[in-house]
Amino acid sequence: MKDNDRVTALETLDPAHERQGYWEQFRARILENAAFELARRREAARESVAAILSGWSRSLIPVAAAAALIASIMILNETQQQAEPAPRLVLEDMLGGTRNANPLQAGLAAGVQSNTAEFIAFVEEDTR
């Protein structure tokens, strides 16, 4: 088979072989169907960073203000707790009380905080 015969055989597969203007009509039909999407993309390409950020401002600014308010409340609360630390229950302080007083009751009456290790030490002391 010669090259001209191959070209002739492949021309029958071309949709525009027997129809004049097929590719122009095909292109026009595609552009007509894609007109809305192409217009949307043109508009999106014109938007700047500032325009996008201003669009976010309706939700972004109130959320940022709320986060700043919550953070400031948490910081103020933390500084107040650090300024006035609660007295700790110390075993030596409890043992320094009167002989007849129960160390655990004396500690609880003083309004000091206890922890698990100190509680166990008091329980073991009372069982002797």
Protein backbone atom coordinates (compact mmCIF):
# COMPACT_ATOMS: atom_id res chain seq x y z
CA MET A 1 0.00 0.00 0.00
CA LYS A 2 1.36 3.37 -0.95
CA ASP A 3 1.32 6.48 1.27
CA ASN A 4 -1.42 8.09 -0.83
CA ASP A 5 -3.64 5.06 -0.33
CA ARG A 6 -3.13 5.26 3.44
CA VAL A 7 -4.05 8.95 3.51
CA THR A 8 -7.15 8.25 1.44
CA ALA A 9 -8.14 5.40 3.78
CA LEU A 10 -7.75 7.66 6.85
CA GLU A 11 -9.72 10.51 5.28
CA THR A 12 -12.87 8.42 5.54
CA LEU A 13 -12.51 8.54 9.35
CA ASP A 14 -12.50 12.36 9.36
CA PRO A 15 -15.97 13.66 10.34
CA ALA A 16 -15.52 16.63 8.00
CA HIS A 17 -14.74 14.41 5.01
CA GLU A 18 -18.16 14.71 3.43
CA ARG A 19 -19.46 17.76 5.36
CA GLN A 20 -18.01 21.16 4.64
CA GLY A 21 -17.61 23.49 7.65
CA TYR A 22 -17.94 20.68 10.19
CA TRP A 23 -15.05 21.85 12.41
CA GLU A 24 -16.27 25.47 12.46
CA GLN A 25 -19.75 24.32 13.49
CA PHE A 26 -18.24 21.97 16.07
CA ARG A 27 -16.17 24.79 17.59
CA ALA A 28 -19.16 27.16 17.64
CA ARG A 29 -21.32 24.53 19.36
CA ILE A 30 -18.66 23.94 22.06
CA LEU A 31 -18.21 27.66 22.70
CA GLU A 32 -21.98 28.11 22.92
CA ASN A 33 -22.30 25.31 25.49
CA ALA A 34 -19.32 26.59 27.52
CA ALA A 35 -20.28 30.29 27.44
CA PHE A 36 -21.52 30.39 31.04
CA GLU A 37 -18.42 28.69 32.46
CA LEU A 38 -16.07 30.83 30.39
CA ALA A 39 -17.82 34.01 31.60
CA ARG A 40 -17.57 32.82 35.21
CA ARG A 41 -13.85 32.17 34.81
CA ARG A 42 -13.32 35.60 33.24
CA GLU A 43 -14.99 37.25 36.23
CA ALA A 44 -12.99 35.16 38.69
CA ALA A 45 -9.74 36.13 36.97
CA ARG A 46 -10.56 39.84 37.42
CA GLU A 47 -10.93 39.56 41.20
CA SER A 48 -7.97 40.69 43.24
CA VAL A 49 -6.72 39.43 46.57
CA ALA A 50 -8.20 42.46 48.29
CA ALA A 51 -11.63 41.74 46.79
CA ILE A 52 -11.52 38.13 47.94
CA LEU A 53 -10.44 39.13 51.46
CA SER A 54 -13.18 41.75 51.68
CA GLY A 55 -15.67 39.05 50.76
CA TRP A 56 -14.45 37.00 53.70
CA SER A 57 -14.71 39.96 56.09
CA ARG A 58 -18.34 39.27 56.99
CA SER A 59 -17.45 36.04 58.73
CA LEU A 60 -13.74 36.47 59.41
CA ILE A 61 -13.81 39.70 61.44
CA PRO A 62 -16.45 38.58 64.02
CA VAL A 63 -14.72 35.23 64.49
CA ALA A 64 -11.34 36.92 65.01
CA ALA A 65 -12.88 39.37 67.50
CA ALA A 66 -14.49 36.52 69.45
CA ALA A 67 -11.19 34.61 69.53
CA ALA A 68 -9.35 37.70 70.80
CA LEU A 69 -11.99 38.23 73.50
CA ILE A 70 -11.76 34.62 74.67
CA ALA A 71 -7.96 34.76 74.69
CA SER A 72 -7.94 37.96 76.75
CA ILE A 73 -10.35 36.46 79.29
CA MET A 74 -8.18 33.36 79.58
CA ILE A 75 -5.03 35.46 80.06
CA LEU A 76 -6.66 37.63 82.74
CA ASN A 77 -7.93 34.54 84.54
CA GLU A 78 -4.48 32.94 84.45
CA THR A 79 -2.77 36.06 85.82
CA GLN A 80 -5.27 36.28 88.68
CA GLN A 81 -4.64 32.65 89.59
CA GLN A 82 -0.88 33.16 89.53
CA ALA A 83 -1.11 36.36 91.62
CA GLU A 84 -2.96 34.63 94.47
CA PRO A 85 -1.80 31.02 94.74
CA ALA A 86 -3.90 28.92 97.07
CA PRO A 87 -2.14 27.70 100.23
CA ARG A 88 -0.99 24.13 99.93
CA LEU A 89 -1.53 21.47 102.56
CA VAL A 90 1.88 20.57 103.86
CA LEU A 91 2.43 17.59 106.13
CA GLU A 92 4.78 19.50 108.42
CA ASP A 93 2.14 22.21 108.97
CA MET A 94 -0.44 19.59 109.87
CA LEU A 95 1.86 17.86 112.32
CA GLY A 96 2.63 21.14 114.06
CA GLY A 97 -0.92 21.37 115.46
CA THR A 98 -2.05 20.35 118.94
CA ARG A 99 -1.56 16.78 120.10
CA ASN A 100 -5.21 15.91 120.40
CA ALA A 101 -6.29 17.49 117.07
CA ASN A 102 -6.76 15.27 114.04
CA PRO A 103 -4.32 16.55 111.38
CA LEU A 104 -6.73 15.92 108.49
CA GLN A 105 -9.59 17.77 110.15
CA ALA A 106 -7.31 20.64 111.11
CA GLY A 107 -6.11 20.93 107.50
CA LEU A 108 -9.62 20.87 106.07
CA ALA A 109 -10.81 23.44 108.60
CA ALA A 110 -7.97 25.75 107.56
CA GLY A 111 -9.36 25.83 104.00
CA VAL A 112 -6.18 24.67 102.28
CA GLN A 113 -6.02 22.43 99.23
CA SER A 114 -4.93 18.84 99.57
CA ASN A 115 -3.67 16.30 97.12
CA THR A 116 -3.79 12.52 96.95
CA ALA A 117 -0.33 11.90 98.39
CA GLU A 118 -1.03 14.06 101.42
CA PHE A 119 -4.37 12.35 101.98
CA ILE A 120 -2.73 8.92 101.94
CA ALA A 121 -0.09 10.13 104.39
CA PHE A 122 -2.81 11.30 106.79
CA VAL A 123 -4.77 8.05 106.49
CA GLU A 124 -1.68 5.99 107.21
CA GLU A 125 -0.83 8.18 110.19
CA ASP A 126 -4.33 7.78 111.69
CA THR A 127 -4.20 3.98 111.53
CA ARG A 128 -1.19 3.68 113.89
